[in-house]
Amino acid sequence: MSLLNFRDVVAERAECLQPLGFTERQSRFLATVMAHSGVFLERQYCRFAGIAHGQKSHDFVNRLVQRGFARVEATSHLYQGRFYHLHHKRLYSLIGQTDNRNRKRAHRSRMIERLMLLDIVLYDRDVLWLGTEGDKARYFDECLARYRMTPRELPHLTFGSGANQVLRPFADKLPIGVDPIGDRYVFTYLVTRSSPQAFRSFLMRHYSLMRLLLRWTLRVYVPKKFETAIPVFRHAVNEEFRCPLRPRDGEELLWFFRQRRDVSRQPAFVPDTRYVEAAKQFSGLRFAVLERVWRLHGDDVIWNVYSKGIEDQFDLGRASVDFIVISRQYLHLAHLVGVA
């Protein structure tokens, strides 16, 4: 799916909603919300539509609620404590997204995070944002067709095991932007914990994709409560992307991980000198996270650790990471981010 084709898909999805009585602008907003968050604030509709908060925006959200397309998620007795969840199956089926997980009610903290992600999309309209797992997989499968990437080489998570294992590409549900003017890709990450453990896993999952792109930026959005953690996240980026291991160290790391995996099958295991030295060398958080990712995704993640592909991109000015502090308060519930 080329960029031009994806623009057509977005327009077609919005058109599918107009028979329900929505204007072209309202339909585009609803399609955007369903693709990226499933939830929205009235002020977000006002920003998208370029209108002032008032009767028009009230009428729009009230009509959604009265027709059963959206439910009110009230966080307090104040009007500003309300947001809206687009949940009706008919809306999602009309745009071909019946199974979109945004339709289901989630933990309150997760819904607040989705509101933040919607703002990210709405505040940069120069970028074409890929929202759904299917859109991202189809887009990159086409634009990187010459590399013949398998689903396992795309960022993914796996669920279950054996014959019941399910692989979900782009399961992070974070928007990825395509900037046709700047000729670059924009990856996003929303910090929801002070520890960079999940962030490191995210970087590892996206390594194979990022190194194939000509130019990209990773925007790390940081709620103000986590601002003091930015240095440890910067350090994580530096380790994962700019400090590749030497090939012989990568081979030793793979040997060590395999030994640790097999220890559980050897109750009388006695570590030898090589094992003890490897345990000292690979004792940091970087390797603890890498081992968990390796157990899920196999040896390829180890090859990435000593690839210089992304380090070279940084040196050539083709890759960058920006940290953006989110100062806006969300429904007085910023304290709920990261507690799901």
Protein backbone atom coordinates (compact mmCIF):
# COMPACT_ATOMS: atom_id res chain seq x y z
CA MET A 1 0.00 0.00 0.00
CA SER A 2 1.71 3.16 -1.22
CA LEU A 3 1.38 6.50 0.52
CA LEU A 4 -1.03 7.69 -2.19
CA ASN A 5 -3.13 4.55 -1.84
CA PHE A 6 -3.24 4.96 1.92
CA ARG A 7 -4.57 8.50 1.55
CA ASP A 8 -7.34 7.03 -0.59
CA VAL A 9 -8.08 4.40 2.07
CA VAL A 10 -8.41 7.08 4.77
CA ALA A 11 -10.75 9.12 2.57
CA GLU A 12 -12.86 6.05 1.73
CA ARG A 13 -13.26 5.17 5.39
CA ALA A 14 -14.55 8.64 6.15
CA GLU A 15 -16.97 8.48 3.22
CA CYS A 16 -18.41 5.24 4.59
CA LEU A 17 -19.61 7.12 7.68
CA GLN A 18 -21.40 9.94 5.89
CA PRO A 19 -24.60 7.92 5.19
CA LEU A 20 -25.13 7.97 8.98
CA GLY A 21 -25.71 11.71 8.70
CA PHE A 22 -22.24 12.98 9.58
CA THR A 23 -20.55 15.75 7.63
CA GLU A 24 -17.33 15.08 5.74
CA ARG A 25 -15.33 16.78 8.52
CA GLN A 26 -17.10 14.87 11.29
CA SER A 27 -16.61 11.60 9.42
CA ARG A 28 -12.88 12.21 9.04
CA PHE A 29 -12.60 12.92 12.74
CA LEU A 30 -14.49 9.77 13.71
CA ALA A 31 -12.35 7.63 11.38
CA THR A 32 -9.21 9.16 12.92
CA VAL A 33 -10.40 8.46 16.46
CA MET A 34 -11.32 4.85 15.69
CA ALA A 35 -7.95 4.19 14.07
CA HIS A 36 -5.79 5.71 16.81
CA SER A 37 -7.53 5.79 20.16
CA GLY A 38 -11.23 4.92 20.28
CA VAL A 39 -11.67 7.78 22.76
CA PHE A 40 -11.68 11.56 22.43
CA LEU A 41 -12.24 14.82 24.23
CA GLU A 42 -14.56 17.52 22.98
CA ARG A 43 -11.62 19.93 22.72
CA GLN A 44 -9.90 17.45 20.39
CA TYR A 45 -12.85 17.56 18.02
CA CYS A 46 -12.72 21.37 18.14
CA ARG A 47 -9.04 21.35 17.24
CA PHE A 48 -9.55 18.92 14.38
CA ALA A 49 -12.51 20.89 13.02
CA GLY A 50 -10.95 24.30 13.59
CA ILE A 51 -13.91 25.56 15.59
CA ALA A 52 -14.37 27.15 18.99
CA HIS A 53 -15.72 25.13 21.88
CA GLY A 54 -19.45 25.80 21.89
CA GLN A 55 -22.84 24.76 20.59
CA LYS A 56 -21.56 23.02 17.45
CA SER A 57 -19.17 20.78 19.36
CA HIS A 58 -21.82 20.10 22.06
CA ASP A 59 -24.35 19.07 19.42
CA PHE A 60 -21.88 16.73 17.74
CA VAL A 61 -20.88 14.80 20.86
CA ASN A 62 -24.44 14.76 22.20
CA ARG A 63 -25.69 13.24 18.95
CA LEU A 64 -23.03 10.52 19.16
CA VAL A 65 -24.14 9.66 22.69
CA GLN A 66 -27.88 9.83 22.00
CA ARG A 67 -27.58 7.52 18.99
CA GLY A 68 -25.57 5.02 21.01
CA PHE A 69 -22.39 5.40 18.97
CA ALA A 70 -20.40 6.72 21.95
CA ARG A 71 -20.56 6.40 25.69
CA VAL A 72 -19.65 9.04 28.22
CA GLU A 73 -16.67 8.18 30.41
CA ALA A 74 -17.15 10.51 33.37
CA THR A 75 -14.10 10.98 35.57
CA SER A 76 -15.63 13.52 37.93
CA HIS A 77 -18.77 15.59 38.44
CA LEU A 78 -17.20 18.40 36.39
CA TYR A 79 -17.88 18.69 32.67
CA GLN A 80 -14.16 18.81 31.98
CA GLY A 81 -13.89 15.36 33.51
CA ARG A 82 -15.73 13.77 30.61
CA PHE A 83 -14.39 12.03 27.57
CA TYR A 84 -16.12 9.88 24.99
CA HIS A 85 -15.59 6.30 23.87
CA LEU A 86 -16.61 5.33 20.34
CA HIS A 87 -17.70 1.75 20.88
CA HIS A 88 -20.59 0.94 18.55
CA LYS A 89 -19.89 -2.05 16.33
CA ARG A 90 -21.65 -0.49 13.33
CA LEU A 91 -19.23 2.43 13.20
CA TYR A 92 -16.20 0.15 13.11
CA SER A 93 -17.77 -2.31 10.67
CA LEU A 94 -18.50 0.49 8.19
CA ILE A 95 -14.79 1.31 7.95
CA GLY A 96 -13.75 -2.35 7.91
CA GLN A 97 -12.40 -2.34 11.46
CA THR A 98 -14.89 -4.58 13.29
CA ASP A 99 -12.14 -6.29 15.28
CA ASN A 100 -10.33 -3.08 16.24
CA ARG A 101 -9.49 -3.31 19.95
CA ASN A 102 -10.20 0.39 20.40
CA ARG A 103 -13.89 -0.53 20.34
CA LYS A 104 -13.61 -2.30 23.68
CA ARG A 105 -13.59 -0.51 26.99
CA ALA A 106 -10.15 -0.61 28.60
CA HIS A 107 -8.70 0.20 32.00
CA ARG A 108 -9.15 3.89 32.73
CA SER A 109 -5.39 4.55 32.69
CA ARG A 110 -5.07 2.97 29.25
CA MET A 111 -7.89 5.15 27.93
CA ILE A 112 -6.14 8.26 29.24
CA GLU A 113 -2.99 7.16 27.43
CA ARG A 114 -5.00 6.82 24.22
CA LEU A 115 -6.21 10.41 24.61
CA MET A 116 -2.56 11.45 24.72
CA LEU A 117 -1.83 9.46 21.56
CA LEU A 118 -4.74 11.12 19.78
CA ASP A 119 -3.31 14.53 20.63
CA ILE A 120 0.01 13.45 19.12
CA VAL A 121 -1.78 12.66 15.86
CA LEU A 122 -3.94 15.80 15.86
CA TYR A 123 -1.08 18.21 16.63
CA ASP A 124 0.96 17.20 13.58
CA ARG A 125 -1.31 17.25 10.56
CA ASP A 126 1.62 17.46 8.10
CA VAL A 127 2.37 13.81 8.83
CA LEU A 128 0.20 10.98 7.54
CA TRP A 129 -0.34 8.73 10.54
CA LEU A 130 -0.66 4.95 10.33
CA GLY A 131 -2.84 3.79 13.20
CA THR A 132 -4.02 0.20 12.90
CA GLU A 133 -1.87 -2.91 12.93
CA GLY A 134 -3.14 -3.89 9.50
CA ASP A 135 -2.40 -0.49 7.94
CA LYS A 136 1.17 -0.51 9.23
CA ALA A 137 1.84 -4.09 8.14
CA ARG A 138 0.44 -3.53 4.63
CA TYR A 139 2.23 -0.22 4.19
CA PHE A 140 5.70 -1.46 5.17
CA ASP A 141 5.21 -4.78 3.40
CA GLU A 142 4.76 -2.83 0.16
CA CYS A 143 7.29 -0.02 0.59
CA LEU A 144 9.99 -2.48 1.74
CA ALA A 145 9.00 -5.24 -0.70
CA ARG A 146 12.53 -5.49 -2.10
CA TYR A 147 13.75 -6.75 1.29
CA ARG A 148 11.10 -9.47 1.42
CA MET A 149 10.63 -9.06 5.14
CA THR A 150 8.75 -11.80 6.95
CA PRO A 151 6.12 -10.97 9.62
CA ARG A 152 8.68 -11.95 12.27
CA GLU A 153 11.07 -9.28 11.01
CA LEU A 154 8.47 -6.55 11.53
CA PRO A 155 7.94 -5.22 15.07
CA HIS A 156 5.66 -7.75 16.72
CA LEU A 157 4.53 -9.48 19.87
CA THR A 158 3.70 -13.16 20.22
CA PHE A 159 0.96 -14.68 22.32
CA GLY A 160 0.55 -18.32 23.28
CA SER A 161 3.00 -21.08 22.41
CA GLY A 162 3.50 -23.97 20.05
CA ALA A 163 0.72 -24.56 17.53
CA ASN A 164 -1.43 -22.00 19.35
CA GLN A 165 1.09 -19.19 19.06
CA VAL A 166 -0.28 -16.00 17.52
CA LEU A 167 1.98 -13.31 16.06
CA ARG A 168 0.69 -9.72 16.03
CA PRO A 169 2.74 -7.25 13.96
CA PHE A 170 2.82 -3.69 15.30
CA ALA A 171 0.98 -4.71 18.47
CA ASP A 172 2.29 -1.68 20.39
CA LYS A 173 -0.63 0.38 19.02
CA LEU A 174 1.52 3.49 18.74
CA PRO A 175 1.09 5.80 15.74
CA ILE A 176 3.76 5.75 13.04
CA GLY A 177 3.95 8.80 10.81
CA VAL A 178 4.99 9.17 7.20
CA ASP A 179 6.24 12.67 6.37
CA PRO A 180 6.21 13.03 2.57
CA ILE A 181 7.70 16.53 2.68
CA GLY A 182 10.63 15.73 4.97
CA ASP A 183 11.01 12.27 3.42
CA ARG A 184 11.16 10.57 6.81
CA TYR A 185 9.27 8.29 9.14
CA VAL A 186 8.14 9.32 12.60
CA PHE A 187 7.97 6.64 15.29
CA THR A 188 6.33 7.42 18.61
CA TYR A 189 6.64 6.10 22.13
CA LEU A 190 4.61 7.17 25.18
CA VAL A 191 6.42 6.81 28.50
CA THR A 192 4.14 5.24 31.12
CA ARG A 193 6.76 4.03 33.61
CA SER A 194 9.85 5.58 35.16
CA SER A 195 11.84 2.45 34.27
CA PRO A 196 13.01 2.13 30.63
CA GLN A 197 12.57 -1.65 30.64
CA ALA A 198 9.54 -1.70 28.30
CA PHE A 199 11.14 1.06 26.22
CA ARG A 200 14.21 -1.09 25.62
CA SER A 201 11.99 -3.92 24.41
CA PHE A 202 10.28 -1.47 22.06
CA LEU A 203 13.64 -0.39 20.61
CA MET A 204 14.73 -4.00 20.12
CA ARG A 205 11.48 -4.91 18.35
CA HIS A 206 11.82 -1.97 15.95
CA TYR A 207 15.53 -2.30 15.19
CA SER A 208 15.18 -4.46 12.07
CA LEU A 209 12.61 -2.10 10.55
CA MET A 210 14.35 1.16 11.44
CA ARG A 211 17.70 0.17 9.98
CA LEU A 212 16.08 -0.34 6.55
CA LEU A 213 14.59 3.16 6.39
CA LEU A 214 16.42 6.06 4.77
CA ARG A 215 15.49 8.63 7.40
CA TRP A 216 13.53 8.44 10.65
CA THR A 217 12.84 10.16 13.95
CA LEU A 218 11.68 8.61 17.20
CA ARG A 219 9.60 10.97 19.32
CA VAL A 220 9.47 9.93 22.95
CA TYR A 221 6.54 11.62 24.69
CA VAL A 222 7.04 12.02 28.42
CA PRO A 223 4.21 12.97 30.83
CA LYS A 224 5.48 15.60 33.24
CA LYS A 225 5.41 13.18 36.18
CA PHE A 226 8.15 11.15 34.43
CA GLU A 227 10.30 14.08 33.32
CA THR A 228 13.10 13.27 35.76
CA ALA A 229 13.45 9.82 34.13
CA ILE A 230 14.47 11.26 30.74
CA PRO A 231 18.24 10.74 31.36
CA VAL A 232 17.80 6.98 31.88
CA PHE A 233 15.72 6.77 28.70
CA ARG A 234 18.42 8.65 26.80
CA HIS A 235 20.95 6.19 28.17
CA ALA A 236 18.79 3.32 26.94
CA VAL A 237 18.74 4.79 23.42
CA ASN A 238 22.51 5.19 23.51
CA GLU A 239 23.08 1.59 24.59
CA GLU A 240 20.58 -0.01 22.25
CA PHE A 241 21.31 2.04 19.14
CA ARG A 242 24.82 3.49 19.46
CA CYS A 243 26.84 0.89 21.36
CA PRO A 244 26.89 -2.29 19.28
CA LEU A 245 28.76 -5.26 20.69
CA ARG A 246 31.74 -6.72 18.92
CA PRO A 247 30.84 -9.87 16.94
CA ARG A 248 32.78 -12.12 19.30
CA ASP A 249 30.93 -10.61 22.28
CA GLY A 250 27.63 -11.22 20.53
CA GLU A 251 28.57 -14.86 20.03
CA GLU A 252 29.51 -15.14 23.69
CA LEU A 253 26.23 -13.51 24.71
CA LEU A 254 24.26 -16.03 22.65
CA TRP A 255 26.20 -18.89 24.25
CA PHE A 256 25.48 -17.45 27.70
CA PHE A 257 21.74 -17.08 27.06
CA ARG A 258 21.54 -20.66 25.81
CA GLN A 259 23.37 -21.86 28.91
CA ARG A 260 20.97 -19.98 31.18
CA ARG A 261 18.01 -21.41 29.33
CA ASP A 262 19.33 -24.94 29.77
CA VAL A 263 20.13 -24.53 33.47
CA SER A 264 16.53 -25.25 34.41
CA ARG A 265 16.93 -28.70 32.88
CA GLN A 266 20.07 -29.40 34.88
CA PRO A 267 19.31 -29.41 38.63
CA ALA A 268 22.94 -30.18 39.45
CA PHE A 269 24.38 -27.45 37.23
CA VAL A 270 27.71 -26.05 38.45
CA PRO A 271 28.84 -22.88 36.65
CA ASP A 272 32.35 -23.00 35.21
CA THR A 273 34.74 -20.05 34.83
CA ARG A 274 33.42 -19.11 31.38
CA TYR A 275 29.85 -18.98 32.66
CA VAL A 276 30.81 -16.87 35.70
CA GLU A 277 32.75 -14.38 33.57
CA ALA A 278 29.90 -14.12 31.07
CA ALA A 279 27.44 -13.49 33.92
CA LYS A 280 29.58 -10.56 35.06
CA GLN A 281 30.01 -9.15 31.55
CA PHE A 282 26.30 -9.35 30.68
CA SER A 283 24.77 -8.29 34.00
CA GLY A 284 23.14 -4.95 33.09
CA LEU A 285 19.48 -4.12 32.43
CA ARG A 286 20.23 -4.03 28.72
CA PHE A 287 21.04 -7.74 28.72
CA ALA A 288 18.25 -8.71 31.11
CA VAL A 289 15.70 -7.21 28.70
CA LEU A 290 17.51 -8.62 25.70
CA GLU A 291 17.36 -12.12 27.16
CA ARG A 292 13.58 -11.90 27.58
CA VAL A 293 13.22 -10.65 24.01
CA TRP A 294 15.54 -13.38 22.76
CA ARG A 295 13.48 -16.10 24.45
CA LEU A 296 10.43 -14.80 22.58
CA HIS A 297 11.92 -13.97 19.19
CA GLY A 298 15.04 -16.07 18.75
CA ASP A 299 18.61 -15.47 17.63
CA ASP A 300 17.94 -12.61 15.21
CA VAL A 301 17.71 -10.11 18.07
CA ILE A 302 21.28 -11.02 19.03
CA TRP A 303 22.55 -10.25 15.52
CA ASN A 304 21.01 -6.79 15.84
CA VAL A 305 23.02 -6.13 19.01
CA TYR A 306 26.29 -6.09 17.11
CA SER A 307 24.96 -4.57 13.89
CA LYS A 308 26.25 -1.04 13.19
CA GLY A 309 23.29 -0.23 10.94
CA ILE A 310 21.50 2.22 13.19
CA GLU A 311 24.70 3.63 14.69
CA ASP A 312 25.72 4.58 11.14
CA GLN A 313 22.32 6.21 10.57
CA PHE A 314 22.90 8.46 13.59
CA ASP A 315 26.40 9.34 12.43
CA LEU A 316 25.03 10.31 8.98
CA GLY A 317 22.24 12.43 10.48
CA ARG A 318 19.54 10.12 9.13
CA ALA A 319 18.23 9.04 12.54
CA SER A 320 17.29 11.07 15.59
CA VAL A 321 15.48 10.72 18.91
CA ASP A 322 13.53 13.61 20.44
CA PHE A 323 12.16 13.74 23.98
CA ILE A 324 8.98 15.80 24.31
CA VAL A 325 7.52 16.60 27.72
CA ILE A 326 3.71 16.53 27.85
CA SER A 327 2.72 19.42 30.07
CA ARG A 328 -1.04 19.25 29.42
CA GLN A 329 -3.14 17.68 32.16
CA TYR A 330 -5.64 15.03 31.13
CA LEU A 331 -8.87 15.11 33.11
CA HIS A 332 -7.01 15.39 36.41
CA LEU A 333 -5.96 11.77 35.89
CA ALA A 334 -2.30 12.13 34.92
CA HIS A 335 -1.53 10.15 38.07
CA LEU A 336 -3.27 7.13 36.54
CA VAL A 337 -0.90 6.86 33.59
CA GLY A 338 1.12 3.69 33.97
CA VAL A 339 -0.99 2.02 36.66
CA ALA A 340 -2.92 -0.43 34.49
